[in-house]
Amino acid sequence: MGGTGVLPRKLVDYIQHNGGVIKTGTRITGVDPVEKSVTDDAGNRYNYSQMVWAADLYRLYELINSDVIESSQGQAIK
């Protein structure tokens, strides 16, 4: 009911109701999947337990520091 415009509003309501914070206008410049954190262009670091990436997937891959990702043998992947 209400068309596709209702979905984002409901998602925002759900996130905020469950203690989440949505930071609009924030440019993410780094992603560390090992530490489960992202860094913005002001140098602020945000930790997460689960991340929903709703932006350009290729940009996500560019932002991940592959030096911190370890292989199953415990060696950094280059």
C-alpha atoms as a PDB file:
ATOM      1  CA  MET A   1       0.000   0.000   0.000  1.00  0.00           C
ATOM      2  CA  GLY A   2       1.354   3.414  -0.940  1.00  0.00           C
ATOM      3  CA  GLY A   3       3.702   2.381  -3.739  1.00  0.00           C
ATOM      4  CA  THR A   4       7.463   1.901  -3.772  1.00  0.00           C
ATOM      5  CA  GLY A   5       8.037   5.154  -1.887  1.00  0.00           C
ATOM      6  CA  VAL A   6       6.784   3.497   1.293  1.00  0.00           C
ATOM      7  CA  LEU A   7       9.615   0.923   1.367  1.00  0.00           C
ATOM      8  CA  PRO A   8      12.467   3.358   2.182  1.00  0.00           C
ATOM      9  CA  ARG A   9      10.400   5.077   4.877  1.00  0.00           C
ATOM     10  CA  LYS A  10       9.525   1.727   6.485  1.00  0.00           C
ATOM     11  CA  LEU A  11      13.186   0.682   6.365  1.00  0.00           C
ATOM     12  CA  VAL A  12      14.243   3.930   8.062  1.00  0.00           C
ATOM     13  CA  ASP A  13      11.557   3.466  10.710  1.00  0.00           C
ATOM     14  CA  TYR A  14      12.662  -0.118  11.380  1.00  0.00           C
ATOM     15  CA  ILE A  15      16.348   0.805  11.654  1.00  0.00           C
ATOM     16  CA  GLN A  16      15.703   3.736  13.975  1.00  0.00           C
ATOM     17  CA  HIS A  17      13.211   1.779  16.087  1.00  0.00           C
ATOM     18  CA  ASN A  18      15.898  -0.875  16.649  1.00  0.00           C
ATOM     19  CA  GLY A  19      18.588   1.605  17.692  1.00  0.00           C
ATOM     20  CA  GLY A  20      20.247   2.077  14.317  1.00  0.00           C
ATOM     21  CA  VAL A  21      21.495   5.395  12.975  1.00  0.00           C
ATOM     22  CA  ILE A  22      21.311   6.528   9.365  1.00  0.00           C
ATOM     23  CA  LYS A  23      23.947   9.105   8.406  1.00  0.00           C
ATOM     24  CA  THR A  24      22.928  10.779   5.168  1.00  0.00           C
ATOM     25  CA  GLY A  25      25.413  12.972   3.335  1.00  0.00           C
ATOM     26  CA  THR A  26      28.334  10.927   4.668  1.00  0.00           C
ATOM     27  CA  ARG A  27      30.984   9.817   2.161  1.00  0.00           C
ATOM     28  CA  ILE A  28      32.551   6.476   3.047  1.00  0.00           C
ATOM     29  CA  THR A  29      36.241   6.299   2.115  1.00  0.00           C
ATOM     30  CA  GLY A  30      37.266   2.961   3.602  1.00  0.00           C
ATOM     31  CA  VAL A  31      35.795  -0.416   4.525  1.00  0.00           C
ATOM     32  CA  ASP A  32      37.486  -2.906   6.840  1.00  0.00           C
ATOM     33  CA  PRO A  33      35.493  -6.163   6.793  1.00  0.00           C
ATOM     34  CA  VAL A  34      37.832  -7.821   9.296  1.00  0.00           C
ATOM     35  CA  GLU A  35      37.343  -5.125  11.947  1.00  0.00           C
ATOM     36  CA  LYS A  36      33.737  -4.609  10.781  1.00  0.00           C
ATOM     37  CA  SER A  37      34.161  -0.873  10.395  1.00  0.00           C
ATOM     38  CA  VAL A  38      33.849   1.880   7.824  1.00  0.00           C
ATOM     39  CA  THR A  39      35.655   5.227   7.722  1.00  0.00           C
ATOM     40  CA  ASP A  40      34.227   8.449   6.353  1.00  0.00           C
ATOM     41  CA  ASP A  41      35.959  11.364   4.635  1.00  0.00           C
ATOM     42  CA  ALA A  42      36.222  13.242   7.959  1.00  0.00           C
ATOM     43  CA  GLY A  43      38.196  10.348   9.457  1.00  0.00           C
ATOM     44  CA  ASN A  44      35.341   9.103  11.648  1.00  0.00           C
ATOM     45  CA  ARG A  45      35.231   5.352  12.122  1.00  0.00           C
ATOM     46  CA  TYR A  46      31.943   3.494  12.499  1.00  0.00           C
ATOM     47  CA  ASN A  47      31.782  -0.095  13.712  1.00  0.00           C
ATOM     48  CA  TYR A  48      28.987  -2.375  12.591  1.00  0.00           C
ATOM     49  CA  SER A  49      27.684  -5.835  13.335  1.00  0.00           C
ATOM     50  CA  GLN A  50      25.899  -6.059   9.972  1.00  0.00           C
ATOM     51  CA  MET A  51      26.248  -3.724   7.037  1.00  0.00           C
ATOM     52  CA  VAL A  52      23.760  -3.092   4.260  1.00  0.00           C
ATOM     53  CA  TRP A  53      25.563  -1.567   1.272  1.00  0.00           C
ATOM     54  CA  ALA A  54      22.956   0.236  -0.821  1.00  0.00           C
ATOM     55  CA  ALA A  55      25.393   2.035  -3.090  1.00  0.00           C
ATOM     56  CA  ASP A  56      27.571   1.127  -6.056  1.00  0.00           C
ATOM     57  CA  LEU A  57      28.914  -2.415  -5.579  1.00  0.00           C
ATOM     58  CA  TYR A  58      32.083  -1.669  -7.553  1.00  0.00           C
ATOM     59  CA  ARG A  59      32.739   1.273  -5.219  1.00  0.00           C
ATOM     60  CA  LEU A  60      32.487  -1.091  -2.243  1.00  0.00           C
ATOM     61  CA  TYR A  61      35.154  -3.321  -3.771  1.00  0.00           C
ATOM     62  CA  GLU A  62      37.388  -0.292  -4.334  1.00  0.00           C
ATOM     63  CA  LEU A  63      37.059   0.773  -0.703  1.00  0.00           C
ATOM     64  CA  ILE A  64      37.915  -2.588   0.868  1.00  0.00           C
ATOM     65  CA  ASN A  65      41.526  -2.786   1.970  1.00  0.00           C
ATOM     66  CA  SER A  66      42.485  -6.221   0.657  1.00  0.00           C
ATOM     67  CA  ASP A  67      45.636  -6.222   2.828  1.00  0.00           C
ATOM     68  CA  VAL A  68      43.487  -6.885   5.906  1.00  0.00           C
ATOM     69  CA  ILE A  69      41.598  -9.830   4.465  1.00  0.00           C
ATOM     70  CA  GLU A  70      43.205 -13.113   5.383  1.00  0.00           C
ATOM     71  CA  SER A  71      43.008 -16.326   3.434  1.00  0.00           C
ATOM     72  CA  SER A  72      41.915 -19.545   5.105  1.00  0.00           C
ATOM     73  CA  GLN A  73      45.624 -20.263   5.743  1.00  0.00           C
ATOM     74  CA  GLY A  74      46.007 -17.044   7.773  1.00  0.00           C
ATOM     75  CA  GLN A  75      47.950 -15.132   5.122  1.00  0.00           C
ATOM     76  CA  ALA A  76      46.970 -11.718   3.839  1.00  0.00           C
ATOM     77  CA  ILE A  77      45.510 -11.763   0.343  1.00  0.00           C
ATOM     78  CA  LYS A  78      47.265  -9.347  -2.006  1.00  0.00           C
END
